[in-house]
Amino acid sequence: MSREYIKFGDPDDVVEGLQKLSNFPNVMGAIGCTHIRIKSPGQREDEEYRNRKGHFTLKVQAVSSAQLIIQ
């Protein structure tokens, strides 16, 4: 499924854009992570969604291009 959902564009363009922006060679993207707050799933597994602050969240990781486009 990754080939269907993960798109980076032309690798040379992506690397060139990030090198111009950050001065790092051979970089394909910038990775960021966050928690998205959700309502309690209301099931036995709901504790698997509770974060360290006590909120129910989904962990999300995204990759961005030099143009701030989430890939």
PDB file of N, CA and C in Angstrom:
ATOM      1  N   MET A   1       0.808  -1.201   0.000  1.00  0.00           N
ATOM      2  CA  MET A   1       0.000   0.000   0.000  1.00  0.00           C
ATOM      3  C   MET A   1       0.853   1.266   0.000  1.00  0.00           C
ATOM      4  N   SER A   2       2.114   1.150   0.435  1.00  0.00           N
ATOM      5  CA  SER A   2       2.943   2.347   0.532  1.00  0.00           C
ATOM      6  C   SER A   2       3.127   3.033  -0.813  1.00  0.00           C
ATOM      7  N   ARG A   3       3.235   2.270  -1.871  1.00  0.00           N
ATOM      8  CA  ARG A   3       3.427   2.887  -3.199  1.00  0.00           C
ATOM      9  C   ARG A   3       2.224   3.721  -3.618  1.00  0.00           C
ATOM     10  N   GLU A   4       1.059   3.359  -3.115  1.00  0.00           N
ATOM     11  CA  GLU A   4      -0.155   4.100  -3.447  1.00  0.00           C
ATOM     12  C   GLU A   4      -0.267   5.401  -2.648  1.00  0.00           C
ATOM     13  N   TYR A   5       0.208   5.393  -1.402  1.00  0.00           N
ATOM     14  CA  TYR A   5      -0.023   6.525  -0.515  1.00  0.00           C
ATOM     15  C   TYR A   5       1.195   7.404  -0.242  1.00  0.00           C
ATOM     16  N   ILE A   6       2.395   6.881  -0.408  1.00  0.00           N
ATOM     17  CA  ILE A   6       3.588   7.668  -0.132  1.00  0.00           C
ATOM     18  C   ILE A   6       4.177   8.160  -1.441  1.00  0.00           C
ATOM     19  N   LYS A   7       4.177   9.475  -1.626  1.00  0.00           N
ATOM     20  CA  LYS A   7       4.664  10.087  -2.860  1.00  0.00           C
ATOM     21  C   LYS A   7       5.713  11.137  -2.508  1.00  0.00           C
ATOM     22  N   PHE A   8       6.851  11.075  -3.155  1.00  0.00           N
ATOM     23  CA  PHE A   8       7.908  12.045  -2.911  1.00  0.00           C
ATOM     24  C   PHE A   8       8.194  12.938  -4.110  1.00  0.00           C
ATOM     25  N   GLY A   9       7.595  12.680  -5.232  1.00  0.00           N
ATOM     26  CA  GLY A   9       7.917  13.462  -6.407  1.00  0.00           C
ATOM     27  C   GLY A   9       9.250  13.029  -6.987  1.00  0.00           C
ATOM     28  N   ASP A  10       9.787  13.858  -7.858  1.00  0.00           N
ATOM     29  CA  ASP A  10      11.077  13.556  -8.468  1.00  0.00           C
ATOM     30  C   ASP A  10      12.173  13.689  -7.409  1.00  0.00           C
ATOM     31  N   PRO A  11      12.904  12.619  -7.127  1.00  0.00           N
ATOM     32  CA  PRO A  11      13.913  12.671  -6.057  1.00  0.00           C
ATOM     33  C   PRO A  11      14.935  13.776  -6.221  1.00  0.00           C
ATOM     34  N   ASP A  12      15.383  14.032  -7.447  1.00  0.00           N
ATOM     35  CA  ASP A  12      16.383  15.085  -7.658  1.00  0.00           C
ATOM     36  C   ASP A  12      15.833  16.457  -7.287  1.00  0.00           C
ATOM     37  N   ASP A  13      14.572  16.725  -7.638  1.00  0.00           N
ATOM     38  CA  ASP A  13      13.944  18.010  -7.302  1.00  0.00           C
ATOM     39  C   ASP A  13      13.766  18.164  -5.799  1.00  0.00           C
ATOM     40  N   VAL A  14      13.359  17.081  -5.134  1.00  0.00           N
ATOM     41  CA  VAL A  14      13.150  17.127  -3.684  1.00  0.00           C
ATOM     42  C   VAL A  14      14.470  17.380  -2.963  1.00  0.00           C
ATOM     43  N   VAL A  15      15.509  16.659  -3.332  1.00  0.00           N
ATOM     44  CA  VAL A  15      16.820  16.823  -2.701  1.00  0.00           C
ATOM     45  C   VAL A  15      17.362  18.226  -2.960  1.00  0.00           C
ATOM     46  N   GLU A  16      17.229  18.704  -4.181  1.00  0.00           N
ATOM     47  CA  GLU A  16      17.739  20.039  -4.525  1.00  0.00           C
ATOM     48  C   GLU A  16      17.014  21.123  -3.726  1.00  0.00           C
ATOM     49  N   GLY A  17      15.684  21.014  -3.620  1.00  0.00           N
ATOM     50  CA  GLY A  17      14.911  22.005  -2.869  1.00  0.00           C
ATOM     51  C   GLY A  17      15.290  22.056  -1.404  1.00  0.00           C
ATOM     52  N   LEU A  18      15.460  20.901  -0.789  1.00  0.00           N
ATOM     53  CA  LEU A  18      15.829  20.884   0.626  1.00  0.00           C
ATOM     54  C   LEU A  18      17.276  21.305   0.844  1.00  0.00           C
ATOM     55  N   GLN A  19      18.149  21.027  -0.116  1.00  0.00           N
ATOM     56  CA  GLN A  19      19.536  21.467   0.024  1.00  0.00           C
ATOM     57  C   GLN A  19      19.617  22.992  -0.057  1.00  0.00           C
ATOM     58  N   LYS A  20      18.832  23.599  -0.957  1.00  0.00           N
ATOM     59  CA  LYS A  20      18.816  25.064  -1.055  1.00  0.00           C
ATOM     60  C   LYS A  20      18.264  25.699   0.218  1.00  0.00           C
ATOM     61  N   LEU A  21      17.254  25.070   0.809  1.00  0.00           N
ATOM     62  CA  LEU A  21      16.607  25.611   1.995  1.00  0.00           C
ATOM     63  C   LEU A  21      17.441  25.426   3.252  1.00  0.00           C
ATOM     64  N   SER A  22      18.013  24.235   3.435  1.00  0.00           N
ATOM     65  CA  SER A  22      18.645  23.905   4.710  1.00  0.00           C
ATOM     66  C   SER A  22      20.155  23.729   4.646  1.00  0.00           C
ATOM     67  N   ASN A  23      20.704  23.651   3.441  1.00  0.00           N
ATOM     68  CA  ASN A  23      22.137  23.429   3.245  1.00  0.00           C
ATOM     69  C   ASN A  23      22.570  22.031   3.698  1.00  0.00           C
ATOM     70  N   PHE A  24      21.609  21.078   3.764  1.00  0.00           N
ATOM     71  CA  PHE A  24      21.920  19.673   4.044  1.00  0.00           C
ATOM     72  C   PHE A  24      21.904  18.911   2.730  1.00  0.00           C
ATOM     73  N   PRO A  25      22.960  18.194   2.380  1.00  0.00           N
ATOM     74  CA  PRO A  25      22.960  17.438   1.131  1.00  0.00           C
ATOM     75  C   PRO A  25      22.204  16.111   1.270  1.00  0.00           C
ATOM     76  N   ASN A  26      21.632  15.658   0.176  1.00  0.00           N
ATOM     77  CA  ASN A  26      21.000  14.336   0.059  1.00  0.00           C
ATOM     78  C   ASN A  26      19.868  14.088   1.056  1.00  0.00           C
ATOM     79  N   VAL A  27      19.036  15.113   1.310  1.00  0.00           N
ATOM     80  CA  VAL A  27      17.893  14.980   2.223  1.00  0.00           C
ATOM     81  C   VAL A  27      16.623  14.880   1.401  1.00  0.00           C
ATOM     82  N   MET A  28      15.776  13.888   1.737  1.00  0.00           N
ATOM     83  CA  MET A  28      14.519  13.671   0.997  1.00  0.00           C
ATOM     84  C   MET A  28      13.309  14.296   1.675  1.00  0.00           C
ATOM     85  N   GLY A  29      13.402  14.725   2.914  1.00  0.00           N
ATOM     86  CA  GLY A  29      12.252  15.315   3.591  1.00  0.00           C
ATOM     87  C   GLY A  29      12.559  15.625   5.040  1.00  0.00           C
ATOM     88  N   ALA A  30      11.686  16.428   5.640  1.00  0.00           N
ATOM     89  CA  ALA A  30      11.779  16.750   7.057  1.00  0.00           C
ATOM     90  C   ALA A  30      10.661  16.004   7.773  1.00  0.00           C
ATOM     91  N   ILE A  31      10.993  15.294   8.842  1.00  0.00           N
ATOM     92  CA  ILE A  31      10.023  14.472   9.558  1.00  0.00           C
ATOM     93  C   ILE A  31       9.572  15.208  10.814  1.00  0.00           C
ATOM     94  N   GLY A  32       8.266  15.163  11.045  1.00  0.00           N
ATOM     95  CA  GLY A  32       7.699  15.738  12.261  1.00  0.00           C
ATOM     96  C   GLY A  32       6.674  14.792  12.855  1.00  0.00           C
ATOM     97  N   CYS A  33       6.505  14.856  14.165  1.00  0.00           N
ATOM     98  CA  CYS A  33       5.551  13.991  14.861  1.00  0.00           C
ATOM     99  C   CYS A  33       4.670  14.831  15.776  1.00  0.00           C
ATOM    100  N   THR A  34       3.446  14.373  15.994  1.00  0.00           N
ATOM    101  CA  THR A  34       2.540  15.044  16.908  1.00  0.00           C
ATOM    102  C   THR A  34       1.476  14.067  17.378  1.00  0.00           C
ATOM    103  N   HIS A  35       0.717  14.488  18.372  1.00  0.00           N
ATOM    104  CA  HIS A  35      -0.426  13.722  18.851  1.00  0.00           C
ATOM    105  C   HIS A  35      -1.690  14.457  18.424  1.00  0.00           C
ATOM    106  N   ILE A  36      -2.661  13.748  17.891  1.00  0.00           N
ATOM    107  CA  ILE A  36      -3.958  14.309  17.530  1.00  0.00           C
ATOM    108  C   ILE A  36      -4.960  13.807  18.561  1.00  0.00           C
ATOM    109  N   ARG A  37      -5.584  14.745  19.276  1.00  0.00           N
ATOM    110  CA  ARG A  37      -6.514  14.363  20.339  1.00  0.00           C
ATOM    111  C   ARG A  37      -7.795  13.780  19.751  1.00  0.00           C
ATOM    112  N   ILE A  38      -8.265  12.680  20.337  1.00  0.00           N
ATOM    113  CA  ILE A  38      -9.491  12.010  19.901  1.00  0.00           C
ATOM    114  C   ILE A  38     -10.364  11.729  21.119  1.00  0.00           C
ATOM    115  N   LYS A  39     -11.632  11.388  20.860  1.00  0.00           N
ATOM    116  CA  LYS A  39     -12.508  10.939  21.943  1.00  0.00           C
ATOM    117  C   LYS A  39     -12.117   9.519  22.315  1.00  0.00           C
ATOM    118  N   SER A  40     -12.459   9.132  23.528  1.00  0.00           N
ATOM    119  CA  SER A  40     -12.161   7.772  23.974  1.00  0.00           C
ATOM    120  C   SER A  40     -12.808   6.771  23.024  1.00  0.00           C
ATOM    121  N   PRO A  41     -12.048   5.790  22.581  1.00  0.00           N
ATOM    122  CA  PRO A  41     -12.624   4.778  21.695  1.00  0.00           C
ATOM    123  C   PRO A  41     -13.745   3.978  22.365  1.00  0.00           C
ATOM    124  N   GLY A  42     -13.775   3.972  23.708  1.00  0.00           N
ATOM    125  CA  GLY A  42     -14.847   3.300  24.426  1.00  0.00           C
ATOM    126  C   GLY A  42     -14.805   1.787  24.334  1.00  0.00           C
ATOM    127  N   GLN A  43     -13.648   1.237  24.188  1.00  0.00           N
ATOM    128  CA  GLN A  43     -13.478  -0.206  24.097  1.00  0.00           C
ATOM    129  C   GLN A  43     -12.453  -0.641  25.131  1.00  0.00           C
ATOM    130  N   ARG A  44     -12.252  -1.924  25.217  1.00  0.00           N
ATOM    131  CA  ARG A  44     -11.249  -2.425  26.169  1.00  0.00           C
ATOM    132  C   ARG A  44      -9.858  -1.918  25.825  1.00  0.00           C
ATOM    133  N   GLU A  45      -9.592  -1.650  24.569  1.00  0.00           N
ATOM    134  CA  GLU A  45      -8.255  -1.213  24.135  1.00  0.00           C
ATOM    135  C   GLU A  45      -8.048   0.289  24.265  1.00  0.00           C
ATOM    136  N   ASP A  46      -9.020   1.017  24.835  1.00  0.00           N
ATOM    137  CA  ASP A  46      -8.900   2.471  24.828  1.00  0.00           C
ATOM    138  C   ASP A  46      -7.658   2.977  25.558  1.00  0.00           C
ATOM    139  N   GLU A  47      -7.151   2.240  26.528  1.00  0.00           N
ATOM    140  CA  GLU A  47      -5.946   2.679  27.243  1.00  0.00           C
ATOM    141  C   GLU A  47      -4.718   2.698  26.337  1.00  0.00           C
ATOM    142  N   GLU A  48      -4.753   1.965  25.246  1.00  0.00           N
ATOM    143  CA  GLU A  48      -3.640   1.999  24.297  1.00  0.00           C
ATOM    144  C   GLU A  48      -3.550   3.361  23.605  1.00  0.00           C
ATOM    145  N   TYR A  49      -4.635   4.134  23.634  1.00  0.00           N
ATOM    146  CA  TYR A  49      -4.669   5.441  22.993  1.00  0.00           C
ATOM    147  C   TYR A  49      -4.432   6.585  23.981  1.00  0.00           C
ATOM    148  N   ARG A  50      -4.253   6.288  25.254  1.00  0.00           N
ATOM    149  CA  ARG A  50      -4.040   7.334  26.261  1.00  0.00           C
ATOM    150  C   ARG A  50      -2.553   7.706  26.270  1.00  0.00           C
ATOM    151  N   ASN A  51      -2.267   9.013  26.147  1.00  0.00           N
ATOM    152  CA  ASN A  51      -0.868   9.449  26.147  1.00  0.00           C
ATOM    153  C   ASN A  51      -0.398   9.725  27.573  1.00  0.00           C
ATOM    154  N   ARG A  52       0.824  10.162  27.713  1.00  0.00           N
ATOM    155  CA  ARG A  52       1.410  10.355  29.040  1.00  0.00           C
ATOM    156  C   ARG A  52       0.751  11.483  29.822  1.00  0.00           C
ATOM    157  N   LYS A  53       0.017  12.367  29.130  1.00  0.00           N
ATOM    158  CA  LYS A  53      -0.688  13.448  29.815  1.00  0.00           C
ATOM    159  C   LYS A  53      -2.118  13.060  30.174  1.00  0.00           C
ATOM    160  N   GLY A  54      -2.509  11.829  29.824  1.00  0.00           N
ATOM    161  CA  GLY A  54      -3.834  11.340  30.179  1.00  0.00           C
ATOM    162  C   GLY A  54      -4.899  11.546  29.127  1.00  0.00           C
ATOM    163  N   HIS A  55      -4.539  12.108  27.970  1.00  0.00           N
ATOM    164  CA  HIS A  55      -5.502  12.350  26.895  1.00  0.00           C
ATOM    165  C   HIS A  55      -5.488  11.172  25.911  1.00  0.00           C
ATOM    166  N   PHE A  56      -6.620  10.964  25.246  1.00  0.00           N
ATOM    167  CA  PHE A  56      -6.670   9.962  24.182  1.00  0.00           C
ATOM    168  C   PHE A  56      -6.184  10.626  22.898  1.00  0.00           C
ATOM    169  N   THR A  57      -5.168  10.035  22.268  1.00  0.00           N
ATOM    170  CA  THR A  57      -4.601  10.620  21.061  1.00  0.00           C
ATOM    171  C   THR A  57      -4.187   9.536  20.074  1.00  0.00           C
ATOM    172  N   LEU A  58      -4.046   9.970  18.831  1.00  0.00           N
ATOM    173  CA  LEU A  58      -3.403   9.163  17.795  1.00  0.00           C
ATOM    174  C   LEU A  58      -2.051   9.797  17.535  1.00  0.00           C
ATOM    175  N   LYS A  59      -1.029   8.996  17.414  1.00  0.00           N
ATOM    176  CA  LYS A  59       0.301   9.504  17.097  1.00  0.00           C
ATOM    177  C   LYS A  59       0.405   9.604  15.576  1.00  0.00           C
ATOM    178  N   VAL A  60       0.856  10.761  15.106  1.00  0.00           N
ATOM    179  CA  VAL A  60       0.952  11.002  13.674  1.00  0.00           C
ATOM    180  C   VAL A  60       2.373  11.421  13.334  1.00  0.00           C
ATOM    181  N   GLN A  61       2.898  10.840  12.254  1.00  0.00           N
ATOM    182  CA  GLN A  61       4.217  11.213  11.772  1.00  0.00           C
ATOM    183  C   GLN A  61       4.058  11.608  10.310  1.00  0.00           C
ATOM    184  N   ALA A  62       4.660  12.738   9.924  1.00  0.00           N
ATOM    185  CA  ALA A  62       4.523  13.223   8.551  1.00  0.00           C
ATOM    186  C   ALA A  62       5.886  13.654   8.015  1.00  0.00           C
ATOM    187  N   VAL A  63       6.006  13.623   6.698  1.00  0.00           N
ATOM    188  CA  VAL A  63       7.215  14.071   6.011  1.00  0.00           C
ATOM    189  C   VAL A  63       6.836  15.255   5.128  1.00  0.00           C
ATOM    190  N   SER A  64       7.640  16.308   5.179  1.00  0.00           N
ATOM    191  CA  SER A  64       7.370  17.524   4.416  1.00  0.00           C
ATOM    192  C   SER A  64       8.498  17.788   3.427  1.00  0.00           C
ATOM    193  N   SER A  65       8.117  18.386   2.296  1.00  0.00           N
ATOM    194  CA  SER A  65       9.112  18.805   1.299  1.00  0.00           C
ATOM    195  C   SER A  65       9.605  20.207   1.648  1.00  0.00           C
ATOM    196  N   ALA A  66      10.512  20.751   0.861  1.00  0.00           N
ATOM    197  CA  ALA A  66      11.029  22.112   1.080  1.00  0.00           C
ATOM    198  C   ALA A  66       9.924  23.148   0.891  1.00  0.00           C
ATOM    199  N   GLN A  67       8.876  22.798   0.132  1.00  0.00           N
ATOM    200  CA  GLN A  67       7.751  23.719  -0.104  1.00  0.00           C
ATOM    201  C   GLN A  67       6.670  23.567   0.970  1.00  0.00           C
ATOM    202  N   LEU A  68       6.991  22.842   2.049  1.00  0.00           N
ATOM    203  CA  LEU A  68       6.087  22.591   3.167  1.00  0.00           C
ATOM    204  C   LEU A  68       4.864  21.780   2.750  1.00  0.00           C
ATOM    205  N   ILE A  69       5.016  20.950   1.753  1.00  0.00           N
ATOM    206  CA  ILE A  69       3.959  20.038   1.312  1.00  0.00           C
ATOM    207  C   ILE A  69       4.130  18.729   2.060  1.00  0.00           C
ATOM    208  N   ILE A  70       3.058  18.304   2.742  1.00  0.00           N
ATOM    209  CA  ILE A  70       3.126  17.036   3.455  1.00  0.00           C
ATOM    210  C   ILE A  70       3.015  15.923   2.445  1.00  0.00           C
ATOM    211  N   GLN A  71       4.016  15.074   2.439  1.00  0.00           N
ATOM    212  CA  GLN A  71       4.066  13.988   1.476  1.00  0.00           C
ATOM    213  C   GLN A  71       3.228  12.870   1.980  1.00  0.00           C
TER     214      GLN A  71
END
